[in-house]
N, C-alpha and C. Protein backbone atom coordinates (compact mmCIF):
# COMPACT_ATOMS: atom_id res chain seq x y z
N UNK A 1 1.44 10.65 18.83
CA UNK A 1 2.06 10.12 17.55
C UNK A 1 1.47 8.85 17.18
N UNK A 2 1.06 8.70 15.90
CA UNK A 2 0.60 7.49 15.32
C UNK A 2 1.75 6.84 14.56
N UNK A 3 2.06 5.62 14.92
CA UNK A 3 3.18 4.82 14.35
C UNK A 3 2.63 3.96 13.26
N UNK A 4 3.15 4.23 12.05
CA UNK A 4 2.68 3.51 10.78
C UNK A 4 3.80 2.55 10.39
N UNK A 5 3.35 1.32 9.97
CA UNK A 5 4.17 0.39 9.22
C UNK A 5 3.77 0.32 7.77
N UNK A 6 4.70 0.26 6.94
CA UNK A 6 4.50 0.10 5.53
C UNK A 6 4.91 -1.36 5.10
N UNK A 7 3.98 -1.96 4.41
CA UNK A 7 4.25 -3.37 3.95
C UNK A 7 4.45 -3.17 2.41
N UNK A 8 5.61 -3.71 2.02
CA UNK A 8 6.01 -3.64 0.59
C UNK A 8 6.66 -4.92 0.21
N UNK A 9 6.57 -5.31 -1.08
CA UNK A 9 7.12 -6.56 -1.57
C UNK A 9 8.38 -6.30 -2.52
N UNK A 10 8.45 -5.11 -3.13
CA UNK A 10 9.41 -4.88 -4.19
C UNK A 10 10.35 -3.71 -4.08
N UNK A 11 10.28 -2.86 -5.04
CA UNK A 11 11.23 -1.78 -5.25
C UNK A 11 11.02 -0.72 -4.20
N UNK A 12 9.84 -0.46 -3.71
CA UNK A 12 9.64 0.49 -2.63
C UNK A 12 9.65 1.97 -2.93
N UNK A 13 9.45 2.35 -4.29
CA UNK A 13 9.34 3.82 -4.56
C UNK A 13 8.16 4.37 -3.83
N UNK A 14 6.97 3.77 -3.84
CA UNK A 14 5.90 4.38 -3.05
C UNK A 14 6.19 4.39 -1.69
N UNK A 15 6.83 3.45 -1.09
CA UNK A 15 7.21 3.51 0.51
C UNK A 15 8.12 4.73 0.67
N UNK A 16 9.08 4.89 -0.06
CA UNK A 16 10.03 6.04 -0.02
C UNK A 16 9.28 7.34 -0.14
N UNK A 17 8.38 7.48 -1.07
CA UNK A 17 7.59 8.70 -1.35
C UNK A 17 6.81 9.00 0.01
N UNK A 18 6.07 7.99 0.49
CA UNK A 18 5.33 8.13 1.65
C UNK A 18 6.21 8.50 2.86
N UNK A 19 7.32 7.81 3.07
CA UNK A 19 8.26 8.17 4.11
C UNK A 19 8.79 9.61 4.13
N UNK A 20 9.14 9.95 2.92
CA UNK A 20 9.49 11.42 2.67
C UNK A 20 8.39 12.41 3.02
N UNK A 21 7.28 12.12 2.65
CA UNK A 21 6.12 13.02 2.93
C UNK A 21 5.94 13.17 4.42
N UNK A 22 6.05 12.08 5.27
CA UNK A 22 5.91 12.19 6.56
C UNK A 22 7.19 12.50 7.45
N UNK A 23 8.28 12.76 6.79
CA UNK A 23 9.56 12.91 7.54
C UNK A 23 9.56 14.08 8.45
N UNK A 24 8.76 15.08 8.30
CA UNK A 24 8.67 16.30 9.18
C UNK A 24 7.34 16.39 9.89
N UNK A 25 6.57 15.32 9.86
CA UNK A 25 5.25 15.33 10.54
C UNK A 25 5.41 14.94 12.01
N UNK A 26 4.87 15.83 12.79
CA UNK A 26 4.96 15.65 14.27
C UNK A 26 3.87 14.58 14.83
N UNK A 27 2.91 14.30 13.96
CA UNK A 27 1.75 13.44 14.43
C UNK A 27 1.77 12.00 13.88
N UNK A 28 2.36 11.85 12.73
CA UNK A 28 2.47 10.51 12.05
C UNK A 28 3.95 10.13 11.78
N UNK A 29 4.31 8.97 12.17
CA UNK A 29 5.72 8.50 11.96
C UNK A 29 5.66 7.16 11.23
N UNK A 30 6.45 7.10 10.17
CA UNK A 30 6.76 5.82 9.47
C UNK A 30 7.83 5.12 10.27
N UNK A 31 7.34 4.12 11.11
CA UNK A 31 8.17 3.59 12.08
C UNK A 31 8.89 2.30 11.66
N UNK A 32 8.28 1.65 10.69
CA UNK A 32 8.73 0.30 10.35
C UNK A 32 8.34 -0.01 8.92
N UNK A 33 9.23 -0.73 8.14
CA UNK A 33 8.86 -1.29 6.85
C UNK A 33 8.98 -2.82 6.94
N UNK A 34 7.90 -3.45 6.50
CA UNK A 34 7.77 -4.91 6.51
C UNK A 34 7.73 -5.48 5.14
N UNK A 35 8.40 -6.46 4.90
CA UNK A 35 8.45 -7.17 3.50
C UNK A 35 8.31 -8.64 3.66
N UNK A 36 7.83 -9.27 2.50
CA UNK A 36 7.84 -10.71 2.36
C UNK A 36 9.07 -11.19 1.65
N UNK A 37 9.92 -10.27 1.28
CA UNK A 37 11.12 -10.64 0.49
C UNK A 37 12.38 -9.98 1.08
N UNK A 38 13.26 -10.87 1.53
CA UNK A 38 14.54 -10.31 2.19
C UNK A 38 15.36 -9.57 1.20
N UNK A 39 15.27 -9.80 -0.11
CA UNK A 39 16.05 -9.11 -1.12
C UNK A 39 15.30 -8.03 -1.79
N UNK A 40 14.31 -7.70 -1.37
CA UNK A 40 13.50 -6.50 -1.93
C UNK A 40 14.18 -5.24 -1.86
N UNK A 41 14.25 -4.48 -2.80
CA UNK A 41 15.04 -3.19 -2.84
C UNK A 41 14.48 -2.19 -1.82
N UNK A 42 13.22 -2.44 -1.29
CA UNK A 42 12.64 -1.58 -0.29
C UNK A 42 13.57 -1.50 0.89
N UNK A 43 14.30 -2.62 1.15
CA UNK A 43 15.12 -2.59 2.39
C UNK A 43 16.35 -1.57 2.17
N UNK A 44 16.82 -1.44 0.99
CA UNK A 44 17.87 -0.49 0.73
C UNK A 44 17.36 0.86 0.88
N UNK A 45 16.09 1.14 0.43
CA UNK A 45 15.53 2.45 0.64
C UNK A 45 15.30 2.75 2.15
N UNK A 46 14.96 1.68 2.86
CA UNK A 46 14.60 1.86 4.31
C UNK A 46 16.01 2.26 5.03
N UNK A 47 17.07 1.66 4.56
CA UNK A 47 18.40 1.98 5.23
C UNK A 47 18.71 3.43 4.97
N UNK A 48 18.56 3.96 3.74
CA UNK A 48 18.76 5.30 3.45
C UNK A 48 17.94 6.23 4.24
N UNK A 49 16.65 5.79 4.52
CA UNK A 49 15.70 6.67 5.24
C UNK A 49 15.93 6.49 6.71
N UNK A 50 16.76 5.58 7.08
CA UNK A 50 16.98 5.26 8.56
C UNK A 50 15.61 4.77 9.17
N UNK A 51 14.94 3.87 8.47
CA UNK A 51 13.78 3.31 9.01
C UNK A 51 13.99 1.81 9.11
N UNK A 52 13.77 1.23 10.33
CA UNK A 52 14.03 -0.25 10.40
C UNK A 52 13.09 -1.01 9.40
N UNK A 53 13.69 -2.09 8.95
CA UNK A 53 12.87 -2.90 8.03
C UNK A 53 13.10 -4.34 8.37
N UNK A 54 12.15 -5.16 8.14
CA UNK A 54 12.20 -6.56 8.60
C UNK A 54 11.49 -7.36 7.43
N UNK A 55 11.88 -8.65 7.36
CA UNK A 55 11.22 -9.54 6.38
C UNK A 55 10.75 -10.79 7.05
N UNK A 56 9.63 -11.33 6.51
CA UNK A 56 9.01 -12.55 7.02
C UNK A 56 8.79 -13.43 5.78
N UNK A 57 8.88 -14.68 5.92
CA UNK A 57 8.65 -15.51 4.79
C UNK A 57 7.12 -15.77 4.72
N UNK A 58 6.76 -16.62 3.63
CA UNK A 58 5.34 -16.73 3.29
C UNK A 58 4.63 -17.56 4.48
N UNK A 59 5.27 -18.53 5.10
CA UNK A 59 4.68 -19.24 6.23
C UNK A 59 4.40 -18.26 7.41
N UNK A 60 5.43 -17.44 7.70
CA UNK A 60 5.35 -16.61 8.80
C UNK A 60 4.09 -15.56 8.52
N UNK A 61 3.94 -15.15 7.25
CA UNK A 61 2.94 -14.37 6.96
C UNK A 61 1.51 -15.00 7.03
N UNK A 62 1.54 -16.27 6.74
CA UNK A 62 0.28 -17.08 6.73
C UNK A 62 -0.30 -17.09 8.19
N UNK A 63 0.46 -17.28 9.15
CA UNK A 63 0.03 -17.35 10.55
C UNK A 63 -0.01 -16.04 11.27
N UNK A 64 0.85 -15.18 10.83
CA UNK A 64 0.92 -13.76 11.47
C UNK A 64 1.44 -13.61 12.75
N UNK A 65 1.81 -14.64 13.49
CA UNK A 65 2.15 -14.57 14.94
C UNK A 65 3.42 -13.67 15.10
N UNK A 66 4.52 -14.04 14.41
CA UNK A 66 5.68 -13.27 14.50
C UNK A 66 5.57 -11.87 14.03
N UNK A 67 4.75 -11.63 13.04
CA UNK A 67 4.55 -10.30 12.53
C UNK A 67 3.78 -9.44 13.48
N UNK A 68 2.75 -10.02 14.16
CA UNK A 68 1.96 -9.34 15.25
C UNK A 68 2.86 -8.95 16.34
N UNK A 69 3.75 -9.79 16.70
CA UNK A 69 4.67 -9.45 17.86
C UNK A 69 5.58 -8.37 17.43
N UNK A 70 6.10 -8.35 16.24
CA UNK A 70 7.00 -7.26 15.77
C UNK A 70 6.17 -6.00 15.65
N UNK A 71 4.98 -6.03 15.17
CA UNK A 71 4.20 -4.72 15.12
C UNK A 71 3.94 -4.19 16.47
N UNK A 72 3.77 -5.16 17.46
CA UNK A 72 3.54 -4.71 18.80
C UNK A 72 4.76 -4.10 19.41
N UNK A 73 5.90 -4.79 19.14
CA UNK A 73 7.21 -4.29 19.63
C UNK A 73 7.49 -2.83 19.16
N UNK A 74 7.05 -2.51 17.88
CA UNK A 74 7.27 -1.12 17.31
C UNK A 74 6.11 -0.32 17.58
N UNK A 75 5.10 -0.72 18.39
CA UNK A 75 3.92 0.11 18.80
C UNK A 75 3.18 0.63 17.55
N UNK A 76 2.95 -0.25 16.60
CA UNK A 76 2.39 0.10 15.31
C UNK A 76 0.81 0.32 15.58
N UNK A 77 0.33 1.42 15.05
CA UNK A 77 -1.06 1.73 15.20
C UNK A 77 -1.81 1.51 13.80
N UNK A 78 -1.06 1.65 12.77
CA UNK A 78 -1.76 1.70 11.44
C UNK A 78 -0.82 1.07 10.40
N UNK A 79 -1.41 0.40 9.47
CA UNK A 79 -0.61 -0.28 8.30
C UNK A 79 -1.05 0.26 7.06
N UNK A 80 -0.03 0.53 6.25
CA UNK A 80 -0.17 0.97 4.87
C UNK A 80 0.47 -0.03 3.86
N UNK A 81 -0.23 -0.55 2.92
CA UNK A 81 0.29 -1.45 1.95
C UNK A 81 0.77 -0.62 0.67
N UNK A 82 1.95 -0.88 0.29
CA UNK A 82 2.47 -0.07 -0.86
C UNK A 82 3.23 -1.04 -1.68
N UNK A 83 2.54 -1.63 -2.71
CA UNK A 83 3.13 -2.72 -3.50
C UNK A 83 3.40 -3.99 -2.74
N UNK A 84 2.48 -4.27 -1.89
CA UNK A 84 2.59 -5.57 -1.12
C UNK A 84 1.69 -6.57 -1.73
N UNK A 85 2.30 -7.75 -2.08
CA UNK A 85 1.61 -8.75 -2.93
C UNK A 85 1.07 -9.92 -2.21
N UNK A 86 1.30 -10.12 -0.92
CA UNK A 86 0.63 -11.19 -0.27
C UNK A 86 -0.72 -10.82 0.37
N UNK A 87 -1.45 -11.81 0.58
CA UNK A 87 -2.75 -11.65 1.33
C UNK A 87 -2.45 -11.31 2.75
N UNK A 88 -3.05 -10.37 3.35
CA UNK A 88 -2.76 -10.17 4.85
C UNK A 88 -3.70 -11.06 5.62
N UNK A 89 -3.03 -11.86 6.55
CA UNK A 89 -3.78 -12.90 7.20
C UNK A 89 -4.86 -12.35 8.17
N UNK A 90 -5.84 -13.17 8.47
CA UNK A 90 -6.95 -12.74 9.21
C UNK A 90 -6.49 -12.34 10.66
N UNK A 91 -5.45 -12.92 11.17
CA UNK A 91 -4.95 -12.48 12.53
C UNK A 91 -4.61 -11.00 12.53
N UNK A 92 -3.93 -10.51 11.51
CA UNK A 92 -3.56 -9.16 11.37
C UNK A 92 -4.75 -8.22 11.09
N UNK A 93 -5.69 -8.73 10.23
CA UNK A 93 -6.89 -7.96 9.97
C UNK A 93 -7.68 -7.76 11.24
N UNK A 94 -7.78 -8.79 12.07
CA UNK A 94 -8.53 -8.71 13.34
C UNK A 94 -7.88 -7.86 14.41
N UNK A 95 -6.49 -7.82 14.31
CA UNK A 95 -5.77 -6.98 15.28
C UNK A 95 -5.76 -5.43 14.87
N UNK A 96 -5.99 -5.19 13.56
CA UNK A 96 -5.94 -3.83 13.04
C UNK A 96 -7.34 -3.57 12.23
N UNK A 97 -8.41 -3.59 12.95
CA UNK A 97 -9.62 -3.30 12.29
C UNK A 97 -9.72 -1.81 11.69
N UNK A 98 -10.16 -1.67 10.52
CA UNK A 98 -10.28 -0.41 9.86
C UNK A 98 -9.01 0.54 10.05
N UNK A 99 -7.85 -0.26 10.04
CA UNK A 99 -6.59 0.54 10.05
C UNK A 99 -5.53 -0.06 9.30
N UNK A 100 -5.90 -0.66 8.08
CA UNK A 100 -5.03 -1.12 7.05
C UNK A 100 -5.55 -0.66 5.77
N UNK A 101 -4.79 0.05 5.15
CA UNK A 101 -5.22 0.50 3.68
C UNK A 101 -4.16 0.14 2.62
N UNK A 102 -4.68 0.09 1.36
CA UNK A 102 -3.92 -0.29 0.26
C UNK A 102 -4.18 0.55 -0.92
N UNK A 103 -3.37 0.61 -1.85
CA UNK A 103 -3.56 1.40 -3.09
C UNK A 103 -3.50 0.31 -4.24
N UNK A 104 -4.53 0.40 -5.09
CA UNK A 104 -4.51 -0.40 -6.32
C UNK A 104 -4.41 0.41 -7.54
N UNK A 105 -3.64 -0.05 -8.56
CA UNK A 105 -3.25 0.84 -9.78
C UNK A 105 -4.32 0.66 -10.84
N UNK A 106 -5.64 0.75 -10.40
CA UNK A 106 -6.77 0.75 -11.49
C UNK A 106 -7.99 1.33 -10.60
N UNK A 107 -9.06 1.45 -11.34
CA UNK A 107 -10.37 1.90 -10.77
C UNK A 107 -11.18 0.73 -10.35
N UNK A 108 -10.92 0.30 -9.16
CA UNK A 108 -11.79 -0.83 -8.64
C UNK A 108 -13.27 -0.50 -8.78
N UNK A 109 -14.20 -1.47 -9.03
CA UNK A 109 -13.86 -2.88 -8.96
C UNK A 109 -13.29 -3.50 -10.15
N UNK A 110 -12.98 -2.66 -11.27
CA UNK A 110 -12.41 -3.18 -12.50
C UNK A 110 -10.89 -3.57 -12.25
N UNK A 111 -10.51 -4.60 -12.79
CA UNK A 111 -9.10 -5.03 -12.91
C UNK A 111 -8.55 -5.29 -11.47
N UNK A 112 -9.26 -5.82 -10.62
CA UNK A 112 -8.82 -6.17 -9.25
C UNK A 112 -8.89 -7.68 -9.05
N UNK A 113 -8.53 -8.11 -7.89
CA UNK A 113 -8.53 -9.50 -7.55
C UNK A 113 -7.14 -10.12 -7.47
N UNK A 114 -7.18 -11.34 -7.07
CA UNK A 114 -5.86 -12.16 -6.91
C UNK A 114 -5.15 -12.15 -8.28
N UNK A 115 -3.87 -11.85 -8.14
CA UNK A 115 -2.96 -11.90 -9.25
C UNK A 115 -2.98 -10.62 -10.05
N UNK A 116 -3.84 -9.60 -9.70
CA UNK A 116 -3.93 -8.30 -10.42
C UNK A 116 -3.08 -7.30 -9.74
N UNK A 117 -1.89 -7.12 -10.19
CA UNK A 117 -0.99 -6.13 -9.56
C UNK A 117 -0.04 -5.67 -10.72
N UNK A 118 0.56 -4.45 -10.47
CA UNK A 118 1.65 -3.96 -11.37
C UNK A 118 1.26 -3.86 -12.80
N UNK A 119 2.20 -4.39 -13.64
CA UNK A 119 2.10 -4.34 -15.04
C UNK A 119 0.97 -5.23 -15.56
N UNK A 120 0.54 -6.25 -14.82
CA UNK A 120 -0.60 -7.01 -15.17
C UNK A 120 -1.87 -6.20 -15.30
N UNK A 121 -2.04 -5.28 -14.38
CA UNK A 121 -3.20 -4.37 -14.31
C UNK A 121 -3.16 -3.43 -15.47
N UNK A 122 -2.05 -2.84 -15.83
CA UNK A 122 -1.96 -1.87 -16.92
C UNK A 122 -2.14 -2.61 -18.28
N UNK A 123 -1.67 -3.83 -18.34
CA UNK A 123 -1.89 -4.69 -19.57
C UNK A 123 -3.41 -4.93 -19.73
N UNK A 124 -4.07 -5.18 -18.59
CA UNK A 124 -5.51 -5.54 -18.66
C UNK A 124 -6.33 -4.31 -18.97
N UNK A 125 -5.92 -3.11 -18.62
CA UNK A 125 -6.56 -1.80 -18.94
C UNK A 125 -6.44 -1.64 -20.47
N UNK A 126 -5.26 -1.86 -20.94
CA UNK A 126 -4.99 -1.65 -22.39
C UNK A 126 -5.81 -2.73 -23.19
N UNK A 127 -5.79 -3.97 -22.78
CA UNK A 127 -6.53 -5.13 -23.49
C UNK A 127 -8.01 -4.75 -23.49
N UNK A 128 -8.54 -4.14 -22.44
CA UNK A 128 -10.03 -3.95 -22.24
C UNK A 128 -10.39 -2.76 -23.11
N UNK A 129 -9.48 -1.88 -23.63
CA UNK A 129 -9.81 -0.77 -24.40
C UNK A 129 -10.36 0.39 -23.46
N UNK A 130 -10.06 0.33 -22.17
CA UNK A 130 -10.49 1.39 -21.25
C UNK A 130 -10.06 2.78 -21.68
N UNK A 131 -10.90 3.76 -21.61
CA UNK A 131 -10.51 5.10 -21.96
C UNK A 131 -10.11 5.96 -20.72
N UNK A 132 -10.25 5.31 -19.58
CA UNK A 132 -9.67 5.97 -18.42
C UNK A 132 -9.20 4.84 -17.30
N UNK A 133 -8.34 5.20 -16.50
CA UNK A 133 -7.83 4.32 -15.41
C UNK A 133 -7.52 5.23 -14.33
N UNK A 134 -6.78 4.76 -13.36
CA UNK A 134 -6.43 5.56 -12.31
C UNK A 134 -6.01 4.79 -11.05
N UNK A 135 -6.28 5.36 -9.89
CA UNK A 135 -5.93 4.63 -8.62
C UNK A 135 -7.08 4.53 -7.72
N UNK A 136 -7.12 3.52 -6.91
CA UNK A 136 -8.09 3.37 -5.88
C UNK A 136 -7.35 3.05 -4.54
N UNK A 137 -7.70 3.94 -3.61
CA UNK A 137 -7.15 3.70 -2.25
C UNK A 137 -8.34 3.10 -1.35
N UNK A 138 -8.07 2.01 -0.70
CA UNK A 138 -9.19 1.31 -0.08
C UNK A 138 -8.68 0.65 1.24
N UNK A 139 -9.69 0.38 2.15
CA UNK A 139 -9.45 -0.44 3.28
C UNK A 139 -9.27 -1.82 2.74
N UNK A 140 -8.56 -2.70 3.55
CA UNK A 140 -8.46 -4.06 3.12
C UNK A 140 -9.34 -4.95 4.00
N UNK A 141 -9.77 -6.02 3.40
CA UNK A 141 -10.61 -7.05 4.21
C UNK A 141 -10.06 -8.38 3.80
N UNK A 142 -10.82 -9.37 3.98
CA UNK A 142 -10.23 -10.79 3.80
C UNK A 142 -10.25 -11.19 2.34
N UNK A 143 -10.76 -10.33 1.42
CA UNK A 143 -10.79 -10.61 0.03
C UNK A 143 -9.91 -9.60 -0.77
N UNK A 144 -9.24 -10.07 -1.79
CA UNK A 144 -8.35 -9.17 -2.54
C UNK A 144 -9.12 -7.99 -3.13
N UNK A 145 -8.79 -6.80 -2.87
CA UNK A 145 -9.28 -5.55 -3.56
C UNK A 145 -10.81 -5.32 -3.37
N UNK A 146 -11.38 -5.85 -2.28
CA UNK A 146 -12.81 -5.70 -2.04
C UNK A 146 -13.17 -4.80 -0.86
N UNK A 147 -12.14 -4.32 -0.17
CA UNK A 147 -12.43 -3.44 0.95
C UNK A 147 -13.15 -2.03 0.52
N UNK A 148 -13.73 -1.42 1.45
CA UNK A 148 -14.43 -0.15 1.23
C UNK A 148 -13.39 0.90 0.60
N UNK A 149 -13.88 1.54 -0.41
CA UNK A 149 -13.05 2.51 -1.15
C UNK A 149 -13.05 3.88 -0.40
N UNK A 150 -11.81 4.42 -0.25
CA UNK A 150 -11.62 5.65 0.44
C UNK A 150 -11.53 6.79 -0.55
N UNK A 151 -10.76 6.57 -1.70
CA UNK A 151 -10.50 7.58 -2.58
C UNK A 151 -10.15 6.96 -3.92
N UNK A 152 -10.57 7.68 -5.06
CA UNK A 152 -10.11 7.30 -6.44
C UNK A 152 -9.70 8.53 -7.18
N UNK A 153 -8.75 8.40 -8.10
CA UNK A 153 -8.29 9.43 -8.90
C UNK A 153 -8.12 8.93 -10.28
N UNK A 154 -8.53 9.67 -11.38
CA UNK A 154 -8.67 9.18 -12.69
C UNK A 154 -7.60 9.77 -13.60
N UNK A 155 -7.29 9.06 -14.73
CA UNK A 155 -6.39 9.64 -15.85
C UNK A 155 -6.93 9.03 -17.07
N UNK A 156 -6.73 9.72 -18.15
CA UNK A 156 -7.21 9.33 -19.48
C UNK A 156 -6.23 8.21 -19.94
N UNK A 157 -6.70 7.28 -20.74
CA UNK A 157 -6.01 6.32 -21.48
C UNK A 157 -6.17 6.59 -23.01
N UNK A 158 -5.03 7.03 -23.70
CA UNK A 158 -5.17 7.23 -25.13
C UNK A 158 -4.97 6.05 -25.94
N UNK A 159 -5.54 5.88 -27.04
CA UNK A 159 -5.45 4.73 -27.95
C UNK A 159 -3.95 4.33 -28.14
N UNK A 160 -3.10 5.36 -28.26
CA UNK A 160 -1.71 4.97 -28.56
C UNK A 160 -0.89 4.65 -27.29
N UNK A 161 -1.48 4.82 -26.02
CA UNK A 161 -0.74 4.53 -24.82
C UNK A 161 -0.33 3.05 -24.77
N UNK A 162 0.80 2.77 -24.37
CA UNK A 162 1.34 1.42 -24.11
C UNK A 162 1.02 1.15 -22.60
N UNK A 163 1.18 -0.19 -22.19
CA UNK A 163 1.05 -0.28 -20.79
C UNK A 163 2.02 0.47 -19.90
N UNK A 164 3.26 0.64 -20.48
CA UNK A 164 4.25 1.47 -19.73
C UNK A 164 3.75 2.91 -19.65
N UNK A 165 3.09 3.47 -20.72
CA UNK A 165 2.67 4.83 -20.63
C UNK A 165 1.55 4.91 -19.54
N UNK A 166 0.65 3.84 -19.49
CA UNK A 166 -0.39 3.93 -18.52
C UNK A 166 0.12 3.80 -17.13
N UNK A 167 1.23 2.93 -16.92
CA UNK A 167 1.88 2.83 -15.66
C UNK A 167 2.44 4.16 -15.15
N UNK A 168 2.99 4.87 -16.04
CA UNK A 168 3.68 6.17 -15.71
C UNK A 168 2.59 7.16 -15.20
N UNK A 169 1.49 7.24 -15.93
CA UNK A 169 0.36 8.08 -15.50
C UNK A 169 -0.16 7.64 -14.18
N UNK A 170 -0.33 6.41 -13.89
CA UNK A 170 -0.86 5.84 -12.65
C UNK A 170 0.12 6.11 -11.51
N UNK A 171 1.47 5.91 -11.79
CA UNK A 171 2.50 6.15 -10.69
C UNK A 171 2.40 7.66 -10.38
N UNK A 172 2.21 8.55 -11.27
CA UNK A 172 2.16 9.97 -10.97
C UNK A 172 0.94 10.24 -10.04
N UNK A 173 -0.11 9.60 -10.30
CA UNK A 173 -1.34 9.68 -9.33
C UNK A 173 -1.03 9.22 -7.95
N UNK A 174 -0.34 7.98 -7.92
CA UNK A 174 0.08 7.33 -6.65
C UNK A 174 0.89 8.26 -5.85
N UNK A 175 1.90 8.79 -6.45
CA UNK A 175 2.88 9.71 -5.73
C UNK A 175 2.18 10.96 -5.24
N UNK A 176 1.27 11.48 -6.06
CA UNK A 176 0.50 12.75 -5.66
C UNK A 176 -0.45 12.50 -4.61
N UNK A 177 -1.22 11.49 -4.64
CA UNK A 177 -2.33 11.37 -3.72
C UNK A 177 -2.20 10.49 -2.51
N UNK A 178 -1.36 9.36 -2.66
CA UNK A 178 -1.49 8.39 -1.60
C UNK A 178 -0.97 8.98 -0.26
N UNK A 179 0.12 9.76 -0.14
CA UNK A 179 0.48 10.23 1.17
C UNK A 179 -0.56 11.09 1.76
N UNK A 180 -1.21 11.93 0.92
CA UNK A 180 -2.23 12.86 1.51
C UNK A 180 -3.43 12.10 1.98
N UNK A 181 -3.80 11.04 1.25
CA UNK A 181 -4.94 10.24 1.75
C UNK A 181 -4.63 9.40 2.95
N UNK A 182 -3.40 8.98 3.07
CA UNK A 182 -2.98 8.22 4.26
C UNK A 182 -3.16 9.25 5.40
N UNK A 183 -2.63 10.43 5.25
CA UNK A 183 -2.72 11.39 6.32
C UNK A 183 -4.12 11.65 6.81
N UNK A 184 -5.08 11.90 5.89
CA UNK A 184 -6.45 12.08 6.12
C UNK A 184 -7.09 10.91 6.87
N UNK A 185 -6.76 9.72 6.38
CA UNK A 185 -7.28 8.53 6.81
C UNK A 185 -6.83 8.24 8.35
N UNK A 186 -5.53 8.52 8.53
CA UNK A 186 -4.92 8.38 9.93
C UNK A 186 -5.61 9.25 10.84
N UNK A 187 -5.81 10.45 10.37
CA UNK A 187 -6.58 11.53 11.30
C UNK A 187 -7.92 11.09 11.65
N UNK A 188 -8.62 10.48 10.73
CA UNK A 188 -10.03 9.97 11.02
C UNK A 188 -9.82 8.74 11.97
N UNK A 189 -8.87 7.91 11.77
CA UNK A 189 -8.68 6.78 12.63
C UNK A 189 -8.42 7.29 14.10
N UNK A 190 -7.60 8.34 14.23
CA UNK A 190 -7.31 8.90 15.62
C UNK A 190 -8.57 9.44 16.21
N UNK A 191 -9.49 10.06 15.38
CA UNK A 191 -10.69 10.66 15.94
C UNK A 191 -11.60 9.47 16.48
N UNK A 192 -11.68 8.36 15.72
CA UNK A 192 -12.44 7.18 16.07
C UNK A 192 -11.91 6.48 17.35
N UNK A 193 -10.64 6.50 17.44
CA UNK A 193 -9.92 5.71 18.53
C UNK A 193 -10.00 6.39 19.90
N UNK A 194 -10.33 7.71 19.93
CA UNK A 194 -10.41 8.42 21.16
C UNK A 194 -11.54 7.95 22.02
């Protein structure tokens, strides 16, 4: 069994979608939800899903010591970022090499980097006049949105689309593809770890 922790900062709809996808999986378990906000709605979703959830403040995230201890206590093998807005500290990156992935709501390298998340990304796509956008699932490294790309999926952007319309198209891609790509990536991780 591979134990997965989901890191999320907000609403947690992607975290819930992922947890539901793996609820009957005998090989992969969503074991823990970690947030940088104690009032994030993801904790409510975690309660309904009967998944333990914990919060750490910005200082605790910066040094990573308490987080690493918690991950070890829950025997976490793999980390999935789902709407997580803080930079993952080097101590966690070093402890989980090639086993932390993220989803970005645009086609990297476009519209990535520090401060580019959520509605800001969809507004940037609209402002740029892009005719397509999508999702990018990638490994994370020490720089925002620069890790190796695992998967991308595309959707059209119509001239009349608002940033909300673009967001809805991108969310549909996230819900459809992220759990499947997580599953495939975790399987590859297991083969490497043997």
